[in-house]
Protein backbone atom coordinates (compact mmCIF):
# COMPACT_ATOMS: atom_id res chain seq x y z
CA UNK A 1 -0.02 -0.03 -0.03
CA UNK A 2 2.91 2.36 0.83
CA UNK A 3 5.21 1.40 -2.03
CA UNK A 4 5.70 3.80 -4.72
CA UNK A 5 6.10 2.87 -8.49
CA UNK A 6 9.61 3.56 -9.81
CA UNK A 7 8.48 2.61 -13.62
CA UNK A 8 8.49 6.25 -14.99
CA UNK A 9 10.09 5.88 -18.43
CA UNK A 10 9.78 9.67 -19.06
CA UNK A 11 11.39 10.59 -15.91
CA UNK A 12 14.62 12.63 -15.92
CA UNK A 13 17.73 11.10 -14.04
CA UNK A 14 17.09 13.42 -10.95
CA UNK A 15 13.48 12.55 -10.92
CA UNK A 16 14.31 8.96 -11.05
CA UNK A 17 16.69 9.21 -8.19
CA UNK A 18 14.12 11.15 -6.00
CA UNK A 19 11.56 8.34 -6.97
CA UNK A 20 14.01 5.57 -5.94
CA UNK A 21 14.80 7.15 -2.70
CA UNK A 22 11.10 7.39 -2.00
CA UNK A 23 10.35 3.86 -2.85
CA UNK A 24 13.42 2.85 -0.60
CA UNK A 25 12.03 4.90 2.22
CA UNK A 26 8.54 3.34 1.78
CA UNK A 27 9.65 -0.14 1.81
CA UNK A 28 12.07 0.39 4.83
CA UNK A 29 9.33 2.21 6.82
CA UNK A 30 6.64 -0.61 6.13
CA UNK A 31 7.85 -2.67 9.05
CA UNK A 32 7.16 0.10 11.56
CA UNK A 33 3.72 1.71 11.43
CA UNK A 34 4.61 4.90 13.23
CA UNK A 35 7.62 5.61 11.17
CA UNK A 36 5.49 4.69 7.99
CA UNK A 37 2.70 7.02 8.82
CA UNK A 38 5.16 9.68 9.38
CA UNK A 39 6.94 9.46 6.04
CA UNK A 40 3.42 8.96 4.23
CA UNK A 41 2.31 12.23 5.66
CA UNK A 42 5.65 13.69 4.72
CA UNK A 43 5.42 12.44 1.14
CA UNK A 44 8.52 10.42 1.69
CA UNK A 45 10.84 13.45 2.01
CA UNK A 46 14.15 13.13 3.62
CA UNK A 47 14.59 14.79 7.24
CA UNK A 48 18.16 13.18 7.77
CA UNK A 49 20.08 12.34 4.64
CA UNK A 50 19.35 15.38 2.43
CA UNK A 51 22.13 17.72 1.46
CA UNK A 52 20.32 20.89 2.76
CA UNK A 53 21.54 22.66 5.97
CA UNK A 54 18.38 21.47 8.17
CA UNK A 55 19.19 17.70 7.23
CA UNK A 56 22.73 18.24 8.19
CA UNK A 57 21.81 19.92 11.45
CA UNK A 58 19.40 17.09 12.45
CA UNK A 59 21.81 14.40 11.47
CA UNK A 60 24.61 15.99 13.52
CA UNK A 61 22.44 16.42 16.38
CA UNK A 62 21.30 12.88 16.54
CA UNK A 63 24.83 11.41 16.16
CA UNK A 64 25.95 13.69 18.91
CA UNK A 65 23.11 12.72 21.15
CA UNK A 66 23.38 8.81 20.87
CA UNK A 67 27.32 9.13 20.95
CA UNK A 68 26.95 10.78 24.39
CA UNK A 69 24.01 8.68 25.53
CA UNK A 70 26.11 7.15 28.41
CA UNK A 71 26.09 10.58 30.03
CA UNK A 72 22.43 9.73 30.85
CA UNK A 73 23.05 6.08 31.88
CA UNK A 74 21.61 4.91 28.73
CA UNK A 75 22.65 1.99 26.55
CA UNK A 76 24.73 3.44 23.72
CA UNK A 77 25.09 -0.06 22.01
CA UNK A 78 21.24 0.11 21.61
CA UNK A 79 21.72 3.10 19.12
CA UNK A 80 25.23 2.10 17.85
CA UNK A 81 26.50 5.38 16.69
CA UNK A 82 29.60 3.93 14.87
CA UNK A 83 27.60 1.64 12.80
CA UNK A 84 25.12 4.51 11.90
CA UNK A 85 28.17 6.71 10.86
CA UNK A 86 29.41 3.70 8.74
CA UNK A 87 25.97 3.41 7.02
CA UNK A 88 25.76 7.03 6.32
CA UNK A 89 29.26 6.89 4.55
CA UNK A 90 28.22 3.84 2.49
CA UNK A 91 24.96 5.43 1.35
CA UNK A 92 26.18 6.17 -2.20
CA UNK A 93 22.80 5.50 -4.03
CA UNK A 94 19.24 6.43 -3.61
CA UNK A 95 18.25 3.00 -2.36
CA UNK A 96 20.87 2.86 0.28
CA UNK A 97 20.20 6.42 1.43
CA UNK A 98 16.57 5.55 1.88
CA UNK A 99 17.34 2.62 4.09
CA UNK A 100 19.70 4.92 6.15
CA UNK A 101 16.99 7.55 6.09
CA UNK A 102 14.57 5.23 7.99
CA UNK A 103 17.14 3.61 10.18
CA UNK A 104 17.96 7.10 11.63
CA UNK A 105 14.43 7.69 12.30
CA UNK A 106 14.11 4.31 14.14
CA UNK A 107 17.17 5.18 16.14
CA UNK A 108 15.90 8.60 16.78
CA UNK A 109 12.56 7.33 18.23
CA UNK A 110 14.44 4.78 20.36
CA UNK A 111 16.76 7.11 21.84
CA UNK A 112 13.86 9.81 22.31
CA UNK A 113 11.68 7.44 24.17
CA UNK A 114 14.64 5.92 26.21
CA UNK A 115 15.60 9.45 27.48
CA UNK A 116 12.23 10.79 27.98
CA UNK A 117 10.59 7.91 29.54
CA UNK A 118 13.11 5.26 30.32
CA UNK A 119 14.98 2.54 28.68
CA UNK A 120 13.07 -0.13 30.66
CA UNK A 121 9.34 -1.07 31.14
CA UNK A 122 9.10 -0.98 35.13
CA UNK A 123 6.43 -3.81 35.54
CA UNK A 124 8.63 -5.96 33.21
CA UNK A 125 11.60 -5.68 35.67
CA UNK A 126 9.44 -5.98 38.90
CA UNK A 127 5.64 -6.57 39.25
CA UNK A 128 5.52 -4.48 42.35
CA UNK A 129 6.68 -1.37 40.36
CA UNK A 130 3.14 -0.45 38.90
CA UNK A 131 3.93 2.82 37.87
CA UNK A 132 2.18 4.34 34.65
CA UNK A 133 4.94 5.63 32.55
CA UNK A 134 3.85 8.85 30.35
CA UNK A 135 4.80 7.45 26.93
CA UNK A 136 4.30 9.97 24.11
CA UNK A 137 3.03 9.21 20.59
CA UNK A 138 5.90 8.05 18.36
CA UNK A 139 4.62 10.00 15.26
CA UNK A 140 4.41 13.20 17.24
CA UNK A 141 8.23 12.81 18.14
CA UNK A 142 9.19 12.98 14.36
CA UNK A 143 6.62 15.64 13.63
CA UNK A 144 7.71 17.89 16.49
CA UNK A 145 11.40 17.29 15.92
CA UNK A 146 11.16 18.46 12.29
CA UNK A 147 9.44 21.64 13.33
CA UNK A 148 12.07 22.41 16.03
CA UNK A 149 15.73 23.29 16.60
CA UNK A 150 17.28 19.86 16.74
CA UNK A 151 19.70 20.66 19.58
CA UNK A 152 16.97 22.28 21.80
CA UNK A 153 14.64 19.27 21.04
CA UNK A 154 17.21 16.86 22.36
CA UNK A 155 17.98 18.86 25.26
CA UNK A 156 14.22 19.10 26.19
CA UNK A 157 13.84 15.35 26.16
CA UNK A 158 15.40 14.68 29.53
CA UNK A 159 13.16 14.97 32.66
CA UNK A 160 12.93 18.59 33.70
CA UNK A 161 12.68 17.83 37.52
CA UNK A 162 15.69 19.31 39.33
CA UNK A 163 16.49 16.07 40.74
CA UNK A 164 17.41 14.56 37.29
CA UNK A 165 20.03 17.25 36.62
CA UNK A 166 21.52 16.80 40.24
CA UNK A 167 21.61 12.99 39.72
CA UNK A 168 23.34 13.44 36.46
CA UNK A 169 25.79 15.86 37.85
CA UNK A 170 26.55 13.35 40.68
CA UNK A 171 26.90 10.51 38.06
CA UNK A 172 29.60 12.38 36.22
CA UNK A 173 31.43 13.41 39.37
CA UNK A 174 31.42 9.71 40.57
CA UNK A 175 32.68 8.53 37.02
CA UNK A 176 35.61 10.78 37.34
CA UNK A 177 36.46 9.74 41.01
CA UNK A 178 36.15 6.07 39.72
CA UNK A 179 38.65 6.84 37.14
CA UNK A 180 41.00 8.12 39.77
CA UNK A 181 40.85 4.92 41.80
CA UNK A 182 37.48 5.36 43.72
CA UNK A 183 37.60 5.98 47.39
CA UNK A 184 40.58 4.00 48.25
CA UNK A 185 41.22 1.01 50.39
CA UNK A 186 38.42 -0.61 52.36
CA UNK A 187 38.55 -0.11 56.22
CA UNK A 188 39.82 -3.55 57.61
CA UNK A 189 37.94 -3.29 60.95
CA UNK A 190 34.39 -4.22 62.01
CA UNK A 191 34.07 -1.10 64.07
CA UNK A 192 35.84 2.03 65.17
CA UNK A 193 34.98 4.63 67.75
CA UNK A 194 36.10 8.18 68.68
CA UNK A 195 39.60 8.08 70.60
CA UNK A 196 41.05 5.22 68.72
CA UNK A 197 43.97 5.43 66.66
CA UNK A 198 45.95 3.06 64.25
CA UNK A 199 46.09 2.11 60.64
CA UNK A 200 42.24 1.32 60.20
CA UNK A 201 41.72 4.79 61.50
CA UNK A 202 43.95 6.36 58.85
CA UNK A 203 42.29 4.23 56.13
CA UNK A 204 38.82 5.63 57.36
CA UNK A 205 40.21 9.03 57.39
CA UNK A 206 41.45 8.76 53.87
CA UNK A 207 38.12 7.15 52.78
CA UNK A 208 36.02 10.01 54.17
CA UNK A 209 38.41 12.58 52.53
CA UNK A 210 37.88 10.88 49.19
CA UNK A 211 34.21 11.14 49.78
CA UNK A 212 34.32 14.75 50.55
CA UNK A 213 33.05 14.49 54.22
CA UNK A 214 36.62 15.41 55.77
CA UNK A 215 39.03 18.02 54.94
CA UNK A 216 42.58 16.93 54.25
CA UNK A 217 44.30 16.11 57.69
CA UNK A 218 47.36 14.09 58.96
CA UNK A 219 45.67 13.07 61.98
CA UNK A 220 45.95 9.30 62.83
CA UNK A 221 43.50 9.46 65.62
CA UNK A 222 39.54 9.14 65.51
CA UNK A 223 39.18 12.85 66.65
CA UNK A 224 36.34 15.34 66.73
CA UNK A 225 36.78 16.35 63.36
CA UNK A 226 36.54 12.70 62.08
CA UNK A 227 33.49 11.96 64.46
CA UNK A 228 31.88 15.14 62.94
CA UNK A 229 32.60 14.09 59.27
CA UNK A 230 31.23 10.45 60.41
CA UNK A 231 28.06 11.88 61.58
CA UNK A 232 27.49 13.82 58.26
CA UNK A 233 28.34 10.64 56.50
CA UNK A 234 25.71 8.70 58.57
CA UNK A 235 22.99 11.42 57.91
CA UNK A 236 23.47 10.89 54.14
CA UNK A 237 23.02 7.01 54.70
CA UNK A 238 19.97 7.14 56.81
CA UNK A 239 21.79 5.93 59.80
CA UNK A 240 21.72 6.95 63.41
CA UNK A 241 24.30 9.91 63.48
CA UNK A 242 26.11 8.98 66.64
CA UNK A 243 29.59 9.55 65.03
CA UNK A 244 30.54 5.91 65.87
CA UNK A 245 31.44 3.54 63.01
CA UNK A 246 29.64 0.44 64.15
CA UNK A 247 29.09 -2.63 62.00
CA UNK A 248 26.23 -1.01 60.10
CA UNK A 249 27.94 2.09 59.44
CA UNK A 250 31.20 0.49 58.48
CA UNK A 251 29.46 -1.65 55.98
CA UNK A 252 28.16 1.48 54.38
CA UNK A 253 31.66 3.15 54.59
CA UNK A 254 33.25 0.12 52.70
CA UNK A 255 30.48 -0.20 50.02
CA UNK A 256 32.25 0.42 46.77
CA UNK A 257 31.77 3.41 44.76
CA UNK A 258 30.58 1.16 41.78
CA UNK A 259 27.57 0.24 44.02
CA UNK A 260 26.83 3.88 44.60
CA UNK A 261 27.11 4.84 41.08
CA UNK A 262 24.74 1.95 40.13
CA UNK A 263 22.06 3.37 42.51
CA UNK A 264 22.57 6.83 40.92
CA UNK A 265 22.00 5.43 37.36
CA UNK A 266 19.01 3.46 38.51
CA UNK A 267 17.66 6.59 40.15
CA UNK A 268 18.00 8.47 36.86
CA UNK A 269 16.00 5.62 35.18
CA UNK A 270 13.33 5.97 37.68
CA UNK A 271 13.08 9.71 37.18
CA UNK A 272 12.62 9.00 33.45
CA UNK A 273 9.69 6.86 34.33
CA UNK A 274 8.03 9.82 36.07
CA UNK A 275 8.89 12.44 33.59
CA UNK A 276 5.50 14.35 33.88
CA UNK A 277 4.32 17.13 36.22
CA UNK A 278 4.01 16.03 39.83
CA UNK A 279 1.86 18.84 41.03
CA UNK A 280 2.51 22.10 42.49
CA UNK A 281 1.59 20.47 45.81
CA UNK A 282 2.25 16.79 46.18
CA UNK A 283 3.04 13.99 48.64
CA UNK A 284 6.41 12.21 48.32
CA UNK A 285 6.76 8.90 50.05
CA UNK A 286 10.26 7.51 49.67
CA UNK A 287 10.01 3.89 50.69
CA UNK A 288 13.77 3.39 51.09
CA UNK A 289 14.17 6.60 53.24
CA UNK A 290 11.10 5.50 55.53
CA UNK A 291 9.82 9.10 55.10
CA UNK A 292 6.62 10.91 53.80
CA UNK A 293 6.88 14.57 52.89
CA UNK A 294 4.56 17.36 51.67
CA UNK A 295 6.10 19.35 48.70
CA UNK A 296 4.97 22.74 47.89
CA UNK A 297 6.31 24.51 44.58
CA UNK A 298 9.32 22.15 44.75
CA UNK A 299 10.18 22.99 48.50
CA UNK A 300 9.62 20.48 51.23
CA UNK A 301 7.26 22.08 53.86
CA UNK A 302 6.63 19.01 55.98
CA UNK A 303 8.24 15.68 56.58
CA UNK A 304 7.74 12.62 59.00
CA UNK A 305 9.15 9.31 59.53
CA UNK A 306 7.07 6.38 58.09
CA UNK A 307 6.82 2.52 58.49
CA UNK A 308 6.42 0.68 55.25
CA UNK A 309 5.56 -2.93 54.03
CA UNK A 310 7.66 -5.77 55.43
CA UNK A 311 10.04 -7.37 52.96
CA UNK A 312 7.96 -10.42 52.18
CA UNK A 313 6.08 -11.32 49.09
CA UNK A 314 2.63 -10.34 50.03
CA UNK A 315 3.58 -7.15 52.22
CA UNK A 316 6.18 -5.05 50.28
CA UNK A 317 4.57 -1.62 49.44
CA UNK A 318 4.21 -1.20 45.73
CA UNK A 319 5.36 1.96 43.68
CA UNK A 320 2.76 3.99 41.96
CA UNK A 321 1.07 7.44 41.92
CA UNK A 322 -2.36 8.47 42.63
CA UNK A 323 -4.37 11.26 43.95
CA UNK A 324 -5.34 11.74 47.68
CA UNK A 325 -9.01 12.82 47.93
CA UNK A 326 -9.92 12.71 51.51
CA UNK A 327 -9.01 11.73 55.16
CA UNK A 328 -11.06 9.72 57.59
CA UNK A 329 -10.85 10.77 61.29
CA UNK A 330 -11.68 8.07 63.79
CA UNK A 331 -11.53 5.43 61.23
CA UNK A 332 -12.65 1.80 61.37
CA UNK A 333 -10.31 -0.88 60.30
CA UNK A 334 -11.88 -3.27 57.83
CA UNK A 335 -9.33 -6.10 58.01
CA UNK A 336 -8.10 -7.17 54.57
CA UNK A 337 -9.20 -10.54 53.39
CA UNK A 338 -5.82 -12.16 53.32
CA UNK A 339 -5.13 -11.11 56.83
CA UNK A 340 -8.45 -12.21 57.88
CA UNK A 341 -8.18 -15.83 56.36
CA UNK A 342 -4.53 -16.40 56.90
CA UNK A 343 -3.87 -14.90 60.46
CA UNK A 344 -7.08 -14.63 62.22
CA UNK A 345 -9.29 -17.36 61.10
CA UNK A 346 -7.05 -19.98 62.30
CA UNK A 347 -7.03 -18.32 65.82
CA UNK A 348 -10.75 -18.07 65.95
CA UNK A 349 -11.18 -21.64 64.86
CA UNK A 350 -9.07 -22.60 67.99
CA UNK A 351 -10.71 -20.18 70.32
CA UNK A 352 -13.95 -18.38 68.92
CA UNK A 353 -13.23 -15.32 71.37
CA UNK A 354 -9.68 -14.88 69.96
CA UNK A 355 -8.87 -11.34 68.58
CA UNK A 356 -12.10 -10.10 70.53
CA UNK A 357 -11.47 -6.55 69.41
CA UNK A 358 -12.63 -7.37 66.07
CA UNK A 359 -16.23 -7.48 65.22
CA UNK A 360 -17.55 -10.27 62.74
CA UNK A 361 -19.56 -8.82 60.08
CA UNK A 362 -21.82 -10.59 57.43
CA UNK A 363 -22.23 -9.76 53.74
CA UNK A 364 -24.99 -7.44 54.62
CA UNK A 365 -23.07 -5.41 57.03
CA UNK A 366 -24.57 -6.55 60.08
CA UNK A 367 -22.59 -7.62 63.11
CA UNK A 368 -22.59 -11.19 64.01
CA UNK A 369 -22.53 -12.94 67.36
CA UNK A 370 -19.34 -15.10 67.71
CA UNK A 371 -21.55 -17.67 69.44
CA UNK A 372 -23.58 -17.95 66.20
CA UNK A 373 -20.65 -18.30 63.92
CA UNK A 374 -19.21 -21.80 63.50
CA UNK A 375 -15.58 -20.74 62.45
CA UNK A 376 -14.70 -24.40 62.19
CA UNK A 377 -17.03 -25.03 59.37
CA UNK A 378 -15.20 -22.87 56.95
CA UNK A 379 -11.85 -22.67 55.03
CA UNK A 380 -10.06 -19.71 53.85
CA UNK A 381 -11.99 -19.77 50.64
CA UNK A 382 -15.43 -20.41 52.04
CA UNK A 383 -15.30 -17.94 55.09
CA UNK A 384 -18.45 -15.91 54.66
CA UNK A 385 -17.73 -13.12 57.16
CA UNK A 386 -15.51 -10.05 57.31
CA UNK A 387 -13.88 -8.45 60.30
CA UNK A 388 -13.93 -5.03 61.55
CA UNK A 389 -12.35 -2.99 64.25
CA UNK A 390 -14.49 0.10 65.43
CA UNK A 391 -12.76 3.49 65.93
CA UNK A 392 -10.65 3.70 69.04
CA UNK A 393 -7.15 4.80 70.19
CA UNK A 394 -6.09 1.24 69.85
CA UNK A 395 -7.40 0.89 66.26
CA UNK A 396 -4.71 -0.54 63.95
CA UNK A 397 -5.21 2.66 61.66
CA UNK A 398 -4.82 4.66 64.77
CA UNK A 399 -7.10 8.02 64.71
CA UNK A 400 -6.67 9.07 61.09
CA UNK A 401 -6.16 7.60 57.63
CA UNK A 402 -5.50 9.29 54.31
CA UNK A 403 -7.21 7.83 51.21
CA UNK A 404 -6.03 7.89 47.56
CA UNK A 405 -8.40 5.25 46.08
CA UNK A 406 -6.35 2.63 44.17
CA UNK A 407 -6.56 -1.12 43.28
CA UNK A 408 -3.77 -1.83 45.66
CA UNK A 409 -5.68 -0.76 48.83
CA UNK A 410 -2.80 1.24 49.98
CA UNK A 411 -3.13 4.24 52.04
CA UNK A 412 -1.27 6.49 54.56
CA UNK A 413 -2.35 6.16 58.28
CA UNK A 414 -1.75 6.54 61.85
CA UNK A 415 -0.90 3.65 64.17
CA UNK A 416 -0.86 2.92 68.02
CA UNK A 417 2.54 1.03 67.55
CA UNK A 418 4.66 4.20 68.03
CA UNK A 419 7.89 2.22 69.05
CA UNK A 420 8.75 1.17 65.66
CA UNK A 421 9.47 4.88 64.49
CA UNK A 422 12.72 4.95 66.54
CA UNK A 423 14.18 2.10 64.49
CA UNK A 424 16.69 2.82 61.88
CA UNK A 425 14.99 0.42 59.42
CA UNK A 426 11.22 0.41 59.39
CA UNK A 427 9.79 -2.08 57.24
CA UNK A 428 6.91 -3.81 59.34
CA UNK A 429 3.64 -3.14 57.93
CA UNK A 430 1.36 -5.04 55.65
CA UNK A 431 2.00 -2.68 52.84
CA UNK A 432 0.30 0.49 53.75
CA UNK A 433 2.24 3.52 55.00
CA UNK A 434 2.26 4.31 58.72
CA UNK A 435 3.05 7.88 59.78
CA UNK A 436 4.82 9.26 62.79
CA UNK A 437 3.30 12.37 63.03
CA UNK A 438 -0.28 11.88 61.43
CA UNK A 439 -1.95 14.80 63.01
CA UNK A 440 0.61 17.30 62.02
CA UNK A 441 0.35 15.79 58.53
CA UNK A 442 -3.49 16.40 58.59
CA UNK A 443 -2.94 20.05 59.82
CA UNK A 444 -0.54 20.63 56.92
CA UNK A 445 -3.12 19.24 54.32
CA UNK A 446 -6.02 21.15 55.92
CA UNK A 447 -4.40 24.22 56.25
CA UNK A 448 -5.14 24.93 52.59
CA UNK A 449 -8.86 24.94 53.24
CA UNK A 450 -9.49 26.22 56.85
CA UNK A 451 -7.97 28.98 58.98
CA UNK A 452 -7.83 26.73 62.13
CA UNK A 453 -6.70 23.22 60.79
CA UNK A 454 -5.76 22.07 64.25
CA UNK A 455 -9.17 23.05 65.79
CA UNK A 456 -11.07 21.81 63.05
CA UNK A 457 -9.32 18.53 63.34
CA UNK A 458 -9.50 18.04 67.00
CA UNK A 459 -13.20 18.88 66.94
CA UNK A 460 -13.91 16.16 64.60
CA UNK A 461 -11.63 13.72 66.63
CA UNK A 462 -13.34 14.55 69.85
CA UNK A 463 -16.70 13.23 68.64
CA UNK A 464 -15.26 9.62 68.64
CA UNK A 465 -17.37 9.20 65.51
CA UNK A 466 -16.01 8.13 62.23
CA UNK A 467 -15.68 11.37 59.94
CA UNK A 468 -14.79 11.73 56.32
CA UNK A 469 -13.24 15.07 55.36
CA UNK A 470 -12.50 15.71 51.67
CA UNK A 471 -9.79 17.70 50.43
CA UNK A 472 -10.96 20.67 48.38
CA UNK A 473 -7.99 20.51 46.39
CA UNK A 474 -6.88 16.75 45.85
CA UNK A 475 -3.20 16.28 46.25
CA UNK A 476 -1.05 13.89 43.99
CA UNK A 477 0.75 11.14 45.99
CA UNK A 478 3.95 9.54 44.69
CA UNK A 479 5.24 6.42 46.20
CA UNK A 480 8.73 5.98 45.09
CA UNK A 481 11.83 4.09 45.88
CA UNK A 482 15.05 6.05 45.57
CA UNK A 483 18.21 4.52 47.11
CA UNK A 484 20.05 7.63 45.67
CA UNK A 485 18.91 11.19 45.75
CA UNK A 486 20.44 14.60 45.93
CA UNK A 487 19.21 17.26 48.25
CA UNK A 488 18.90 20.91 47.08
CA UNK A 489 22.09 21.88 48.69
CA UNK A 490 24.03 19.19 46.52
CA UNK A 491 24.49 16.60 49.00
CA UNK A 492 23.98 13.08 47.79
CA UNK A 493 22.24 10.57 49.83
CA UNK A 494 22.03 6.79 49.65
CA UNK A 495 19.71 4.14 51.33
CA UNK A 496 19.69 0.50 51.42
CA UNK A 497 17.94 -1.57 48.70
CA UNK A 498 15.59 -2.96 51.17
CA UNK A 499 13.28 -4.89 48.50
CA UNK A 500 16.21 -5.71 46.00
CA UNK A 501 14.39 -3.57 43.35
CA UNK A 502 17.38 -1.42 42.29
CA UNK A 503 19.55 -4.57 41.89
CA UNK A 504 16.94 -5.81 39.51
CA UNK A 505 16.74 -2.71 37.46
CA UNK A 506 20.48 -2.34 37.13
CA UNK A 507 20.65 -5.93 35.93
CA UNK A 508 18.06 -5.21 33.36
CA UNK A 509 19.86 -2.07 32.31
CA UNK A 510 22.96 -3.99 31.88
CA UNK A 511 21.16 -6.59 29.77
CA UNK A 512 19.96 -3.75 27.61
CA UNK A 513 23.58 -2.45 27.08
CA UNK A 514 24.16 -0.19 29.85
CA UNK A 515 27.84 -0.05 31.31
CA UNK A 516 29.45 1.60 34.20
CA UNK A 517 32.28 3.77 33.15
CA UNK A 518 35.38 5.48 34.61
CA UNK A 519 36.12 8.92 33.28
CA UNK A 520 39.84 9.42 32.91
CA UNK A 521 40.83 6.04 34.16
């Protein structure tokens, strides 16, 4: 359907060449619907291989972009710039030029999508990464490119979030450090504390200096300066900043620079998956950091500790974005079916009065007397009841929960188990996000719609009755997983890969052709 006839006996040599080129483009593009549609609308004119200035500018811009794709942590081999240059040199007839024309469009589309929305498909790497990637129409890439400045177009493809630029800067700095030998020798001690001296202290001093936490010094003692540097290091790793290099801190100190570089490259890929506006006001839950924050116009205006899903197959917190619509003050807890049948039904079969704080509810929402329910007659599949915990201070959801309706049944909430927030690692829940300061979180949200958010909230709370409060301006929620992130002041932070997701992503990037590199090494 797309092929053009080249049998034009009365045509001049120049016309025949044009027709042969268009025929070659049509045939080469037929395998790709998007490219075929573009060239059909474009009347099979060249955008890359012509002799005009515009074609040359586009050609040079593409070759430059794919040659330097590694700056973005992208797989250069996927675009194969050396082969592309060779094909251009060898294209000495209309047919060969037509084939190269389409190949350049194919590589352009691959690179544009990789840079703008990621080189990987999240859910194919890990089923718990359920993020909806904002893919753009492929034909629009080509159409918009031909109407734009080539250099500006390529520059605009990368995520515009400030975090992406900070990560890229960190990546290039770490690659130069790797080229200079990394951070030096590992510290050969399980732990060190202030006041100690010796070879291990000297090695740790040198390592902290290489990481830019400590100024140049000849001290061989774990002195006050080194303790302060250690505290700064611990803060950037999410560790207790006591200035003592215990086993956990030492493991992070000795973590190789290559591992950190991988984390930065994975964070850049994750940023590409989220390359869309996040909302002037939004909620940012970083699972690996065990925190939840409110962001207003790119500034963090509130932050609290969180507890996330336990690292087991049916409890890990998924990654996704949604919109918070309301909060419930004095909530009831409707026990998830999986918890009801796996954890509580066996208990009630042994003792009908077990977990007595929970009400047994039938399919019509009526409370059922435990004496009337023969728990032993049912299996996990046939159990006809649900369990509900009424509002109370001991309620599993605490005194407030924050709802962004989603198919994963994930939400943010209070908890009576306050002791968990003092722990360094906080992965204990069934998947939902528990907040350390839920009341203050509620006040911050309500401040946009009432002059007295604290008074409003406490009045609802004092009734003891379940109360829904809608947010007049719904707030986007982003549940993310960042083991590497850079604060606005330029300090790079790293966290542990608690669910092993980053390892999967980097492995997939390597399989796609991404490589670690050392600049100057």
